[in-house]
């Protein structure tokens, strides 16, 4: 199938498909005229790539995992890589949760009359 058809069926842009190809995540055959041609299996591959991106994995990590996907092999190394990515995300969540708590403290202090901040009612927005 051509790039436009793959994009439509997988629910992504043709630009995304070109990017996946540049990153080594997707391989296209070329017609004699130089047009990209993809096998039927490319639809599911693109959907998998999208799920991995949605899980906040980088192109490099996805590329490292794709040989296991292609071979349909689940290795201790691939599971460890995925667990490490999960741990990285957990750490980031903890950092963001702490930042939110600090911001909540700032908001609470600013709303307190002793803060010295003038309080105005109405919509919040830029000055």
PDB file of N, CA and C in Angstrom:
ATOM      1  N   UNK A   1       0.837  -1.178   0.000  1.00  0.00           N
ATOM      2  CA  UNK A   1       0.000   0.000   0.000  1.00  0.00           C
ATOM      3  C   UNK A   1       0.875   1.233   0.000  1.00  0.00           C
ATOM      4  N   UNK A   2       0.342   2.323  -0.479  1.00  0.00           N
ATOM      5  CA  UNK A   2       1.081   3.567  -0.547  1.00  0.00           C
ATOM      6  C   UNK A   2       1.019   4.293   0.798  1.00  0.00           C
ATOM      7  N   UNK A   3       1.872   5.303   0.937  1.00  0.00           N
ATOM      8  CA  UNK A   3       2.020   6.005   2.205  1.00  0.00           C
ATOM      9  C   UNK A   3       0.707   6.661   2.661  1.00  0.00           C
ATOM     10  N   UNK A   4      -0.050   7.238   1.742  1.00  0.00           N
ATOM     11  CA  UNK A   4      -1.309   7.879   2.104  1.00  0.00           C
ATOM     12  C   UNK A   4      -2.321   6.899   2.645  1.00  0.00           C
ATOM     13  N   UNK A   5      -2.387   5.725   2.045  1.00  0.00           N
ATOM     14  CA  UNK A   5      -3.317   4.695   2.510  1.00  0.00           C
ATOM     15  C   UNK A   5      -2.904   4.187   3.889  1.00  0.00           C
ATOM     16  N   UNK A   6      -1.611   3.957   4.084  1.00  0.00           N
ATOM     17  CA  UNK A   6      -1.139   3.513   5.395  1.00  0.00           C
ATOM     18  C   UNK A   6      -1.458   4.562   6.455  1.00  0.00           C
ATOM     19  N   UNK A   7      -1.197   5.819   6.135  1.00  0.00           N
ATOM     20  CA  UNK A   7      -1.475   6.899   7.085  1.00  0.00           C
ATOM     21  C   UNK A   7      -2.952   6.906   7.465  1.00  0.00           C
ATOM     22  N   UNK A   8      -3.828   6.793   6.488  1.00  0.00           N
ATOM     23  CA  UNK A   8      -5.267   6.807   6.759  1.00  0.00           C
ATOM     24  C   UNK A   8      -5.693   5.599   7.589  1.00  0.00           C
ATOM     25  N   UNK A   9      -5.205   4.431   7.250  1.00  0.00           N
ATOM     26  CA  UNK A   9      -5.608   3.217   7.954  1.00  0.00           C
ATOM     27  C   UNK A   9      -5.055   3.155   9.372  1.00  0.00           C
ATOM     28  N   UNK A  10      -3.852   3.702   9.569  1.00  0.00           N
ATOM     29  CA  UNK A  10      -3.232   3.656  10.894  1.00  0.00           C
ATOM     30  C   UNK A  10      -3.594   4.878  11.742  1.00  0.00           C
ATOM     31  N   UNK A  11      -4.190   5.882  11.122  1.00  0.00           N
ATOM     32  CA  UNK A  11      -4.597   7.064  11.870  1.00  0.00           C
ATOM     33  C   UNK A  11      -3.458   8.003  12.222  1.00  0.00           C
ATOM     34  N   UNK A  12      -2.464   8.106  11.329  1.00  0.00           N
ATOM     35  CA  UNK A  12      -1.328   9.004  11.547  1.00  0.00           C
ATOM     36  C   UNK A  12      -1.120   9.826  10.285  1.00  0.00           C
ATOM     37  N   UNK A  13      -0.239  10.800  10.370  1.00  0.00           N
ATOM     38  CA  UNK A  13       0.074  11.624   9.200  1.00  0.00           C
ATOM     39  C   UNK A  13       1.162  10.947   8.367  1.00  0.00           C
ATOM     40  N   UNK A  14       1.228  11.350   7.114  1.00  0.00           N
ATOM     41  CA  UNK A  14       2.308  10.839   6.269  1.00  0.00           C
ATOM     42  C   UNK A  14       3.657  11.340   6.793  1.00  0.00           C
ATOM     43  N   UNK A  15       3.642  12.506   7.389  1.00  0.00           N
ATOM     44  CA  UNK A  15       4.876  13.039   7.990  1.00  0.00           C
ATOM     45  C   UNK A  15       5.379  12.113   9.101  1.00  0.00           C
ATOM     46  N   UNK A  16       4.445  11.618   9.924  1.00  0.00           N
ATOM     47  CA  UNK A  16       4.828  10.687  10.994  1.00  0.00           C
ATOM     48  C   UNK A  16       5.450   9.426  10.402  1.00  0.00           C
ATOM     49  N   UNK A  17       4.881   8.922   9.325  1.00  0.00           N
ATOM     50  CA  UNK A  17       5.419   7.710   8.703  1.00  0.00           C
ATOM     51  C   UNK A  17       6.832   7.945   8.165  1.00  0.00           C
ATOM     52  N   UNK A  18       7.045   9.105   7.575  1.00  0.00           N
ATOM     53  CA  UNK A  18       8.395   9.421   7.094  1.00  0.00           C
ATOM     54  C   UNK A  18       9.373   9.506   8.260  1.00  0.00           C
ATOM     55  N   UNK A  19       8.923  10.084   9.366  1.00  0.00           N
ATOM     56  CA  UNK A  19       9.764  10.169  10.561  1.00  0.00           C
ATOM     57  C   UNK A  19      10.086   8.767  11.082  1.00  0.00           C
ATOM     58  N   UNK A  20       9.086   7.902  11.157  1.00  0.00           N
ATOM     59  CA  UNK A  20       9.329   6.529  11.621  1.00  0.00           C
ATOM     60  C   UNK A  20      10.359   5.838  10.739  1.00  0.00           C
ATOM     61  N   UNK A  21      10.275   6.091   9.454  1.00  0.00           N
ATOM     62  CA  UNK A  21      11.246   5.499   8.538  1.00  0.00           C
ATOM     63  C   UNK A  21      12.647   6.057   8.809  1.00  0.00           C
ATOM     64  N   UNK A  22      12.757   7.367   8.996  1.00  0.00           N
ATOM     65  CA  UNK A  22      14.052   7.989   9.309  1.00  0.00           C
ATOM     66  C   UNK A  22      14.664   7.414  10.581  1.00  0.00           C
ATOM     67  N   UNK A  23      13.807   7.084  11.557  1.00  0.00           N
ATOM     68  CA  UNK A  23      14.272   6.557  12.831  1.00  0.00           C
ATOM     69  C   UNK A  23      14.534   5.056  12.795  1.00  0.00           C
ATOM     70  N   UNK A  24      14.267   4.421  11.668  1.00  0.00           N
ATOM     71  CA  UNK A  24      14.494   2.983  11.539  1.00  0.00           C
ATOM     72  C   UNK A  24      13.388   2.143  12.165  1.00  0.00           C
ATOM     73  N   UNK A  25      12.235   2.736  12.412  1.00  0.00           N
ATOM     74  CA  UNK A  25      11.122   2.020  13.040  1.00  0.00           C
ATOM     75  C   UNK A  25      10.219   1.345  12.019  1.00  0.00           C
ATOM     76  N   UNK A  26      10.255   1.835  10.806  1.00  0.00           N
ATOM     77  CA  UNK A  26       9.373   1.364   9.752  1.00  0.00           C
ATOM     78  C   UNK A  26      10.191   1.299   8.460  1.00  0.00           C
ATOM     79  N   UNK A  27       9.987   0.243   7.703  1.00  0.00           N
ATOM     80  CA  UNK A  27      10.737   0.078   6.464  1.00  0.00           C
ATOM     81  C   UNK A  27       9.751   0.054   5.303  1.00  0.00           C
ATOM     82  N   UNK A  28      10.060   0.840   4.294  1.00  0.00           N
ATOM     83  CA  UNK A  28       9.246   0.872   3.081  1.00  0.00           C
ATOM     84  C   UNK A  28      10.049   0.308   1.922  1.00  0.00           C
ATOM     85  N   UNK A  29       9.367  -0.409   1.081  1.00  0.00           N
ATOM     86  CA  UNK A  29       9.961  -0.802  -0.195  1.00  0.00           C
ATOM     87  C   UNK A  29       9.740   0.371  -1.145  1.00  0.00           C
ATOM     88  N   UNK A  30      10.570   0.497  -2.152  1.00  0.00           N
ATOM     89  CA  UNK A  30      10.420   1.579  -3.126  1.00  0.00           C
ATOM     90  C   UNK A  30      10.018   1.006  -4.482  1.00  0.00           C
ATOM     91  N   UNK A  31       9.058   1.685  -5.097  1.00  0.00           N
ATOM     92  CA  UNK A  31       8.675   1.295  -6.454  1.00  0.00           C
ATOM     93  C   UNK A  31       9.764   1.784  -7.415  1.00  0.00           C
ATOM     94  N   UNK A  32       9.659   1.398  -8.663  1.00  0.00           N
ATOM     95  CA  UNK A  32      10.645   1.852  -9.639  1.00  0.00           C
ATOM     96  C   UNK A  32      10.605   3.372  -9.792  1.00  0.00           C
ATOM     97  N   UNK A  33       9.472   3.970  -9.454  1.00  0.00           N
ATOM     98  CA  UNK A  33       9.339   5.431  -9.518  1.00  0.00           C
ATOM     99  C   UNK A  33       9.775   6.091  -8.208  1.00  0.00           C
ATOM    100  N   UNK A  34      10.211   5.281  -7.244  1.00  0.00           N
ATOM    101  CA  UNK A  34      10.688   5.822  -5.974  1.00  0.00           C
ATOM    102  C   UNK A  34       9.623   6.027  -4.919  1.00  0.00           C
ATOM    103  N   UNK A  35       8.393   5.586  -5.182  1.00  0.00           N
ATOM    104  CA  UNK A  35       7.317   5.742  -4.207  1.00  0.00           C
ATOM    105  C   UNK A  35       7.407   4.671  -3.133  1.00  0.00           C
ATOM    106  N   UNK A  36       7.075   5.078  -1.916  1.00  0.00           N
ATOM    107  CA  UNK A  36       7.075   4.132  -0.797  1.00  0.00           C
ATOM    108  C   UNK A  36       5.902   3.161  -0.936  1.00  0.00           C
ATOM    109  N   UNK A  37       6.191   1.898  -0.638  1.00  0.00           N
ATOM    110  CA  UNK A  37       5.164   0.850  -0.622  1.00  0.00           C
ATOM    111  C   UNK A  37       5.334   0.067   0.664  1.00  0.00           C
ATOM    112  N   UNK A  38       4.218  -0.181   1.340  1.00  0.00           N
ATOM    113  CA  UNK A  38       4.239  -0.861   2.638  1.00  0.00           C
ATOM    114  C   UNK A  38       3.410  -2.140   2.574  1.00  0.00           C
ATOM    115  N   UNK A  39       3.826  -3.151   3.324  1.00  0.00           N
ATOM    116  CA  UNK A  39       3.022  -4.373   3.397  1.00  0.00           C
ATOM    117  C   UNK A  39       1.820  -4.152   4.321  1.00  0.00           C
ATOM    118  N   UNK A  40       0.873  -5.028   4.246  1.00  0.00           N
ATOM    119  CA  UNK A  40      -0.328  -4.969   5.094  1.00  0.00           C
ATOM    120  C   UNK A  40       0.044  -4.926   6.577  1.00  0.00           C
ATOM    121  N   UNK A  41       1.094  -5.621   6.956  1.00  0.00           N
ATOM    122  CA  UNK A  41       1.506  -5.683   8.364  1.00  0.00           C
ATOM    123  C   UNK A  41       1.964  -4.326   8.907  1.00  0.00           C
ATOM    124  N   UNK A  42       2.225  -3.372   8.032  1.00  0.00           N
ATOM    125  CA  UNK A  42       2.690  -2.053   8.475  1.00  0.00           C
ATOM    126  C   UNK A  42       1.619  -1.326   9.284  1.00  0.00           C
ATOM    127  N   UNK A  43       0.355  -1.613   9.027  1.00  0.00           N
ATOM    128  CA  UNK A  43      -0.722  -0.947   9.778  1.00  0.00           C
ATOM    129  C   UNK A  43      -0.578  -1.263  11.267  1.00  0.00           C
ATOM    130  N   UNK A  44      -0.449  -2.527  11.601  1.00  0.00           N
ATOM    131  CA  UNK A  44      -0.307  -2.904  13.016  1.00  0.00           C
ATOM    132  C   UNK A  44       1.010  -2.415  13.598  1.00  0.00           C
ATOM    133  N   UNK A  45       2.051  -2.415  12.798  1.00  0.00           N
ATOM    134  CA  UNK A  45       3.348  -1.923  13.281  1.00  0.00           C
ATOM    135  C   UNK A  45       3.253  -0.437  13.652  1.00  0.00           C
ATOM    136  N   UNK A  46       2.618   0.348  12.809  1.00  0.00           N
ATOM    137  CA  UNK A  46       2.459   1.770  13.099  1.00  0.00           C
ATOM    138  C   UNK A  46       1.604   1.958  14.351  1.00  0.00           C
ATOM    139  N   UNK A  47       0.569   1.183  14.490  1.00  0.00           N
ATOM    140  CA  UNK A  47      -0.275   1.281  15.695  1.00  0.00           C
ATOM    141  C   UNK A  47       0.534   0.934  16.944  1.00  0.00           C
ATOM    142  N   UNK A  48       1.404  -0.070  16.844  1.00  0.00           N
ATOM    143  CA  UNK A  48       2.275  -0.419  17.970  1.00  0.00           C
ATOM    144  C   UNK A  48       3.233   0.731  18.272  1.00  0.00           C
ATOM    145  N   UNK A  49       3.832   1.299  17.252  1.00  0.00           N
ATOM    146  CA  UNK A  49       4.741   2.432  17.458  1.00  0.00           C
ATOM    147  C   UNK A  49       3.997   3.565  18.162  1.00  0.00           C
ATOM    148  N   UNK A  50       2.783   3.828  17.748  1.00  0.00           N
ATOM    149  CA  UNK A  50       1.982   4.875  18.385  1.00  0.00           C
ATOM    150  C   UNK A  50       1.724   4.564  19.860  1.00  0.00           C
ATOM    151  N   UNK A  51       1.431   3.311  20.179  1.00  0.00           N
ATOM    152  CA  UNK A  51       1.214   2.925  21.589  1.00  0.00           C
ATOM    153  C   UNK A  51       2.490   3.109  22.406  1.00  0.00           C
ATOM    154  N   UNK A  52       3.623   2.769  21.813  1.00  0.00           N
ATOM    155  CA  UNK A  52       4.893   2.926  22.524  1.00  0.00           C
ATOM    156  C   UNK A  52       5.230   4.401  22.737  1.00  0.00           C
ATOM    157  N   UNK A  53       4.957   5.227  21.741  1.00  0.00           N
ATOM    158  CA  UNK A  53       5.139   6.672  21.921  1.00  0.00           C
ATOM    159  C   UNK A  53       4.187   7.192  22.997  1.00  0.00           C
ATOM    160  N   UNK A  54       2.952   6.719  22.982  1.00  0.00           N
ATOM    161  CA  UNK A  54       1.965   7.148  23.978  1.00  0.00           C
ATOM    162  C   UNK A  54       2.399   6.739  25.385  1.00  0.00           C
ATOM    163  N   UNK A  55       3.197   5.678  25.481  1.00  0.00           N
ATOM    164  CA  UNK A  55       3.741   5.242  26.772  1.00  0.00           C
ATOM    165  C   UNK A  55       4.989   6.036  27.138  1.00  0.00           C
ATOM    166  N   UNK A  56       5.287   7.069  26.327  1.00  0.00           N
ATOM    167  CA  UNK A  56       6.394   7.996  26.582  1.00  0.00           C
ATOM    168  C   UNK A  56       7.769   7.366  26.342  1.00  0.00           C
ATOM    169  N   UNK A  57       7.829   6.392  25.451  1.00  0.00           N
ATOM    170  CA  UNK A  57       9.125   5.827  25.077  1.00  0.00           C
ATOM    171  C   UNK A  57       9.722   6.675  23.957  1.00  0.00           C
ATOM    172  N   UNK A  58      11.031   6.789  23.960  1.00  0.00           N
ATOM    173  CA  UNK A  58      11.722   7.554  22.931  1.00  0.00           C
ATOM    174  C   UNK A  58      11.867   6.717  21.660  1.00  0.00           C
ATOM    175  N   UNK A  59      12.163   7.407  20.559  1.00  0.00           N
ATOM    176  CA  UNK A  59      12.410   6.705  19.289  1.00  0.00           C
ATOM    177  C   UNK A  59      13.541   5.700  19.437  1.00  0.00           C
ATOM    178  N   UNK A  60      14.569   6.094  20.166  1.00  0.00           N
ATOM    179  CA  UNK A  60      15.728   5.215  20.358  1.00  0.00           C
ATOM    180  C   UNK A  60      15.339   3.945  21.119  1.00  0.00           C
ATOM    181  N   UNK A  61      14.548   4.108  22.164  1.00  0.00           N
ATOM    182  CA  UNK A  61      14.102   2.939  22.935  1.00  0.00           C
ATOM    183  C   UNK A  61      13.223   2.043  22.077  1.00  0.00           C
ATOM    184  N   UNK A  62      12.315   2.651  21.329  1.00  0.00           N
ATOM    185  CA  UNK A  62      11.439   1.867  20.459  1.00  0.00           C
ATOM    186  C   UNK A  62      12.281   1.112  19.426  1.00  0.00           C
ATOM    187  N   UNK A  63      13.248   1.796  18.841  1.00  0.00           N
ATOM    188  CA  UNK A  63      14.118   1.142  17.853  1.00  0.00           C
ATOM    189  C   UNK A  63      14.877  -0.026  18.483  1.00  0.00           C
ATOM    190  N   UNK A  64      15.308   0.135  19.720  1.00  0.00           N
ATOM    191  CA  UNK A  64      16.023  -0.944  20.411  1.00  0.00           C
ATOM    192  C   UNK A  64      15.113  -2.144  20.672  1.00  0.00           C
ATOM    193  N   UNK A  65      13.820  -1.892  20.861  1.00  0.00           N
ATOM    194  CA  UNK A  65      12.871  -2.967  21.163  1.00  0.00           C
ATOM    195  C   UNK A  65      12.332  -3.652  19.907  1.00  0.00           C
ATOM    196  N   UNK A  66      12.384  -2.985  18.772  1.00  0.00           N
ATOM    197  CA  UNK A  66      11.761  -3.531  17.566  1.00  0.00           C
ATOM    198  C   UNK A  66      12.335  -4.869  17.094  1.00  0.00           C
ATOM    199  N   UNK A  67      13.627  -5.130  17.233  1.00  0.00           N
ATOM    200  CA  UNK A  67      14.096  -6.469  16.836  1.00  0.00           C
ATOM    201  C   UNK A  67      13.386  -7.582  17.615  1.00  0.00           C
ATOM    202  N   UNK A  68      13.098  -7.343  18.879  1.00  0.00           N
ATOM    203  CA  UNK A  68      12.360  -8.338  19.666  1.00  0.00           C
ATOM    204  C   UNK A  68      10.932  -8.478  19.146  1.00  0.00           C
ATOM    205  N   UNK A  69      10.330  -7.343  18.802  1.00  0.00           N
ATOM    206  CA  UNK A  69       8.970  -7.362  18.249  1.00  0.00           C
ATOM    207  C   UNK A  69       8.972  -8.127  16.931  1.00  0.00           C
ATOM    208  N   UNK A  70       9.934  -7.826  16.067  1.00  0.00           N
ATOM    209  CA  UNK A  70      10.001  -8.478  14.759  1.00  0.00           C
ATOM    210  C   UNK A  70      10.229  -9.979  14.881  1.00  0.00           C
ATOM    211  N   UNK A  71      11.051 -10.372  15.838  1.00  0.00           N
ATOM    212  CA  UNK A  71      11.344 -11.795  16.031  1.00  0.00           C
ATOM    213  C   UNK A  71      10.280 -12.486  16.881  1.00  0.00           C
ATOM    214  N   UNK A  72       9.346 -11.680  17.409  1.00  0.00           N
ATOM    215  CA  UNK A  72       8.305 -12.204  18.314  1.00  0.00           C
ATOM    216  C   UNK A  72       8.949 -12.943  19.485  1.00  0.00           C
ATOM    217  N   UNK A  73       9.985 -12.295  20.027  1.00  0.00           N
ATOM    218  CA  UNK A  73      10.735 -12.863  21.138  1.00  0.00           C
ATOM    219  C   UNK A  73      10.664 -11.902  22.310  1.00  0.00           C
ATOM    220  N   UNK A  74      10.365 -12.445  23.454  1.00  0.00           N
ATOM    221  CA  UNK A  74      10.299 -11.682  24.694  1.00  0.00           C
ATOM    222  C   UNK A  74      11.529 -12.060  25.506  1.00  0.00           C
ATOM    223  N   UNK A  75      12.516 -11.172  25.551  1.00  0.00           N
ATOM    224  CA  UNK A  75      13.776 -11.501  26.214  1.00  0.00           C
ATOM    225  C   UNK A  75      13.862 -10.852  27.589  1.00  0.00           C
ATOM    226  N   UNK A  76      14.711 -11.370  28.464  1.00  0.00           N
ATOM    227  CA  UNK A  76      14.928 -10.696  29.749  1.00  0.00           C
ATOM    228  C   UNK A  76      15.414  -9.264  29.554  1.00  0.00           C
ATOM    229  N   UNK A  77      16.209  -9.039  28.511  1.00  0.00           N
ATOM    230  CA  UNK A  77      16.717  -7.696  28.248  1.00  0.00           C
ATOM    231  C   UNK A  77      15.601  -6.746  27.848  1.00  0.00           C
ATOM    232  N   UNK A  78      14.690  -7.215  26.991  1.00  0.00           N
ATOM    233  CA  UNK A  78      13.591  -6.340  26.559  1.00  0.00           C
ATOM    234  C   UNK A  78      12.656  -6.048  27.726  1.00  0.00           C
ATOM    235  N   UNK A  79      12.389  -7.042  28.559  1.00  0.00           N
ATOM    236  CA  UNK A  79      11.544  -6.810  29.742  1.00  0.00           C
ATOM    237  C   UNK A  79      12.233  -5.853  30.709  1.00  0.00           C
ATOM    238  N   UNK A  80      13.542  -5.989  30.866  1.00  0.00           N
ATOM    239  CA  UNK A  80      14.287  -5.080  31.752  1.00  0.00           C
ATOM    240  C   UNK A  80      14.252  -3.657  31.200  1.00  0.00           C
ATOM    241  N   UNK A  81      14.364  -3.532  29.889  1.00  0.00           N
ATOM    242  CA  UNK A  81      14.311  -2.191  29.272  1.00  0.00           C
ATOM    243  C   UNK A  81      12.960  -1.542  29.516  1.00  0.00           C
ATOM    244  N   UNK A  82      11.902  -2.315  29.336  1.00  0.00           N
ATOM    245  CA  UNK A  82      10.558  -1.783  29.586  1.00  0.00           C
ATOM    246  C   UNK A  82      10.363  -1.434  31.055  1.00  0.00           C
ATOM    247  N   UNK A  83      10.867  -2.270  31.951  1.00  0.00           N
ATOM    248  CA  UNK A  83      10.761  -1.980  33.389  1.00  0.00           C
ATOM    249  C   UNK A  83      11.540  -0.719  33.746  1.00  0.00           C
ATOM    250  N   UNK A  84      12.695  -0.528  33.126  1.00  0.00           N
ATOM    251  CA  UNK A  84      13.491   0.676  33.379  1.00  0.00           C
ATOM    252  C   UNK A  84      12.747   1.920  32.892  1.00  0.00           C
ATOM    253  N   UNK A  85      12.073   1.804  31.762  1.00  0.00           N
ATOM    254  CA  UNK A  85      11.281   2.930  31.259  1.00  0.00           C
ATOM    255  C   UNK A  85      10.126   3.234  32.216  1.00  0.00           C
ATOM    256  N   UNK A  86       9.490   2.177  32.728  1.00  0.00           N
ATOM    257  CA  UNK A  86       8.419   2.384  33.706  1.00  0.00           C
ATOM    258  C   UNK A  86       8.957   3.073  34.949  1.00  0.00           C
ATOM    259  N   UNK A  87      10.127   2.671  35.421  1.00  0.00           N
ATOM    260  CA  UNK A  87      10.742   3.299  36.591  1.00  0.00           C
ATOM    261  C   UNK A  87      11.069   4.766  36.327  1.00  0.00           C
ATOM    262  N   UNK A  88      11.523   5.056  35.108  1.00  0.00           N
ATOM    263  CA  UNK A  88      11.810   6.449  34.731  1.00  0.00           C
ATOM    264  C   UNK A  88      10.534   7.286  34.776  1.00  0.00           C
ATOM    265  N   UNK A  89       9.449   6.729  34.263  1.00  0.00           N
ATOM    266  CA  UNK A  89       8.168   7.435  34.281  1.00  0.00           C
ATOM    267  C   UNK A  89       7.677   7.620  35.710  1.00  0.00           C
ATOM    268  N   UNK A  90       7.828   6.584  36.544  1.00  0.00           N
ATOM    269  CA  UNK A  90       7.434   6.699  37.953  1.00  0.00           C
ATOM    270  C   UNK A  90       8.209   7.811  38.651  1.00  0.00           C
ATOM    271  N   UNK A  91       9.491   7.912  38.379  1.00  0.00           N
ATOM    272  CA  UNK A  91      10.308   8.967  38.986  1.00  0.00           C
ATOM    273  C   UNK A  91       9.837  10.340  38.526  1.00  0.00           C
ATOM    274  N   UNK A  92       9.514  10.447  37.264  1.00  0.00           N
ATOM    275  CA  UNK A  92       9.021  11.728  36.730  1.00  0.00           C
ATOM    276  C   UNK A  92       7.676  12.090  37.357  1.00  0.00           C
ATOM    277  N   UNK A  93       6.809  11.106  37.547  1.00  0.00           N
ATOM    278  CA  UNK A  93       5.522  11.347  38.203  1.00  0.00           C
ATOM    279  C   UNK A  93       5.749  11.860  39.619  1.00  0.00           C
ATOM    280  N   UNK A  94       6.688  11.255  40.333  1.00  0.00           N
ATOM    281  CA  UNK A  94       6.997  11.694  41.699  1.00  0.00           C
ATOM    282  C   UNK A  94       7.505  13.136  41.702  1.00  0.00           C
ATOM    283  N   UNK A  95       8.365  13.471  40.736  1.00  0.00           N
ATOM    284  CA  UNK A  95       8.870  14.846  40.630  1.00  0.00           C
ATOM    285  C   UNK A  95       7.725  15.827  40.363  1.00  0.00           C
ATOM    286  N   UNK A  96       6.845  15.480  39.455  1.00  0.00           N
ATOM    287  CA  UNK A  96       5.726  16.361  39.122  1.00  0.00           C
ATOM    288  C   UNK A  96       4.744  16.487  40.287  1.00  0.00           C
ATOM    289  N   UNK A  97       4.531  15.402  41.001  1.00  0.00           N
ATOM    290  CA  UNK A  97       3.645  15.444  42.171  1.00  0.00           C
ATOM    291  C   UNK A  97       4.226  16.362  43.238  1.00  0.00           C
ATOM    292  N   UNK A  98       5.524  16.279  43.465  1.00  0.00           N
ATOM    293  CA  UNK A  98       6.181  17.164  44.437  1.00  0.00           C
ATOM    294  C   UNK A  98       6.089  18.617  43.978  1.00  0.00           C
ATOM    295  N   UNK A  99       6.271  18.876  42.695  1.00  0.00           N
ATOM    296  CA  UNK A  99       6.174  20.239  42.169  1.00  0.00           C
ATOM    297  C   UNK A  99       4.758  20.775  42.347  1.00  0.00           C
ATOM    298  N   UNK A 100       3.774  19.938  42.107  1.00  0.00           N
ATOM    299  CA  UNK A 100       2.383  20.357  42.305  1.00  0.00           C
ATOM    300  C   UNK A 100       2.126  20.688  43.762  1.00  0.00           C
ATOM    301  N   UNK A 101       2.648  19.891  44.669  1.00  0.00           N
ATOM    302  CA  UNK A 101       2.475  20.163  46.105  1.00  0.00           C
ATOM    303  C   UNK A 101       3.100  21.503  46.485  1.00  0.00           C
ATOM    304  N   UNK A 102       4.287  21.778  45.965  1.00  0.00           N
ATOM    305  CA  UNK A 102       4.932  23.069  46.252  1.00  0.00           C
ATOM    306  C   UNK A 102       4.110  24.220  45.690  1.00  0.00           C
ATOM    307  N   UNK A 103       3.565  24.043  44.513  1.00  0.00           N
ATOM    308  CA  UNK A 103       2.728  25.077  43.918  1.00  0.00           C
ATOM    309  C   UNK A 103       1.451  25.274  44.728  1.00  0.00           C
ATOM    310  N   UNK A 104       0.865  24.189  45.215  1.00  0.00           N
ATOM    311  CA  UNK A 104      -0.312  24.301  46.085  1.00  0.00           C
ATOM    312  C   UNK A 104       0.007  25.120  47.330  1.00  0.00           C
ATOM    313  N   UNK A 105       1.196  24.922  47.895  1.00  0.00           N
ATOM    314  CA  UNK A 105       1.608  25.697  49.074  1.00  0.00           C
ATOM    315  C   UNK A 105       1.715  27.179  48.737  1.00  0.00           C
ATOM    316  N   UNK A 106       2.297  27.489  47.591  1.00  0.00           N
ATOM    317  CA  UNK A 106       2.426  28.883  47.168  1.00  0.00           C
ATOM    318  C   UNK A 106       1.042  29.503  46.976  1.00  0.00           C
ATOM    319  N   UNK A 107       0.149  28.786  46.353  1.00  0.00           N
ATOM    320  CA  UNK A 107      -1.213  29.285  46.139  1.00  0.00           C
ATOM    321  C   UNK A 107      -1.909  29.525  47.471  1.00  0.00           C
ATOM    322  N   UNK A 108      -1.779  28.573  48.391  1.00  0.00           N
ATOM    323  CA  UNK A 108      -2.423  28.715  49.705  1.00  0.00           C
ATOM    324  C   UNK A 108      -1.864  29.915  50.459  1.00  0.00           C
ATOM    325  N   UNK A 109      -0.564  30.116  50.412  1.00  0.00           N
ATOM    326  CA  UNK A 109       0.052  31.262  51.106  1.00  0.00           C
ATOM    327  C   UNK A 109      -0.374  32.578  50.469  1.00  0.00           C
ATOM    328  N   UNK A 110      -0.432  32.602  49.149  1.00  0.00           N
ATOM    329  CA  UNK A 110      -0.826  33.826  48.459  1.00  0.00           C
ATOM    330  C   UNK A 110      -2.275  34.197  48.759  1.00  0.00           C
ATOM    331  N   UNK A 111      -3.111  33.205  49.008  1.00  0.00           N
ATOM    332  CA  UNK A 111      -4.526  33.458  49.289  1.00  0.00           C
ATOM    333  C   UNK A 111      -4.759  33.871  50.735  1.00  0.00           C
ATOM    334  N   UNK A 112      -3.765  33.689  51.583  1.00  0.00           N
ATOM    335  CA  UNK A 112      -3.910  34.022  53.009  1.00  0.00           C
ATOM    336  C   UNK A 112      -3.765  35.531  53.195  1.00  0.00           C
ATOM    337  N   UNK A 113      -4.635  36.157  54.028  1.00  0.00           N
ATOM    338  CA  UNK A 113      -4.568  37.614  54.225  1.00  0.00           C
ATOM    339  C   UNK A 113      -3.205  38.094  54.720  1.00  0.00           C
ATOM    340  N   UNK A 114      -2.488  37.290  55.466  1.00  0.00           N
ATOM    341  CA  UNK A 114      -1.196  37.700  56.018  1.00  0.00           C
ATOM    342  C   UNK A 114      -0.085  37.684  54.961  1.00  0.00           C
ATOM    343  N   UNK A 115      -0.395  37.253  53.753  1.00  0.00           N
ATOM    344  CA  UNK A 115       0.638  37.160  52.718  1.00  0.00           C
ATOM    345  C   UNK A 115       1.082  38.526  52.214  1.00  0.00           C
ATOM    346  N   UNK A 116       0.252  39.532  52.457  1.00  0.00           N
ATOM    347  CA  UNK A 116       0.587  40.861  51.967  1.00  0.00           C
ATOM    348  C   UNK A 116       0.191  41.071  50.520  1.00  0.00           C
ATOM    349  N   UNK A 117      -0.381  40.076  49.888  1.00  0.00           N
ATOM    350  CA  UNK A 117      -0.838  40.211  48.498  1.00  0.00           C
ATOM    351  C   UNK A 117      -2.253  40.767  48.488  1.00  0.00           C
ATOM    352  N   UNK A 118      -2.493  41.746  47.640  1.00  0.00           N
ATOM    353  CA  UNK A 118      -3.846  42.255  47.493  1.00  0.00           C
ATOM    354  C   UNK A 118      -4.679  41.186  46.820  1.00  0.00           C
ATOM    355  N   UNK A 119      -5.889  41.021  47.273  1.00  0.00           N
ATOM    356  CA  UNK A 119      -6.752  39.989  46.742  1.00  0.00           C
ATOM    357  C   UNK A 119      -7.813  40.644  45.881  1.00  0.00           C
ATOM    358  N   UNK A 120      -7.921  40.203  44.658  1.00  0.00           N
ATOM    359  CA  UNK A 120      -8.943  40.688  43.756  1.00  0.00           C
ATOM    360  C   UNK A 120      -9.796  39.521  43.335  1.00  0.00           C
ATOM    361  N   UNK A 121     -11.098  39.746  43.250  1.00  0.00           N
ATOM    362  CA  UNK A 121     -11.970  38.688  42.760  1.00  0.00           C
ATOM    363  C   UNK A 121     -12.130  38.885  41.255  1.00  0.00           C
ATOM    364  N   UNK A 122     -12.537  37.875  40.593  1.00  0.00           N
ATOM    365  CA  UNK A 122     -12.719  37.947  39.164  1.00  0.00           C
ATOM    366  C   UNK A 122     -11.839  36.949  38.472  1.00  0.00           C
ATOM    367  N   UNK A 123     -11.943  36.901  37.143  1.00  0.00           N
ATOM    368  CA  UNK A 123     -11.160  35.900  36.419  1.00  0.00           C
ATOM    369  C   UNK A 123      -9.664  36.163  36.524  1.00  0.00           C
ATOM    370  N   UNK A 124      -8.949  35.071  36.692  1.00  0.00           N
ATOM    371  CA  UNK A 124      -7.498  35.167  36.735  1.00  0.00           C
ATOM    372  C   UNK A 124      -6.990  35.234  35.304  1.00  0.00           C
ATOM    373  N   UNK A 125      -5.952  35.963  35.110  1.00  0.00           N
ATOM    374  CA  UNK A 125      -5.398  36.059  33.759  1.00  0.00           C
ATOM    375  C   UNK A 125      -4.196  36.972  33.757  1.00  0.00           C
ATOM    376  N   UNK A 126      -3.662  37.204  32.601  1.00  0.00           N
ATOM    377  CA  UNK A 126      -2.485  38.082  32.522  1.00  0.00           C
ATOM    378  C   UNK A 126      -2.825  39.505  32.893  1.00  0.00           C
ATOM    379  N   UNK A 127      -1.892  40.241  33.474  1.00  0.00           N
ATOM    380  CA  UNK A 127      -2.164  41.620  33.854  1.00  0.00           C
ATOM    381  C   UNK A 127      -2.403  42.517  32.665  1.00  0.00           C
TER     382      UNK A 127
END
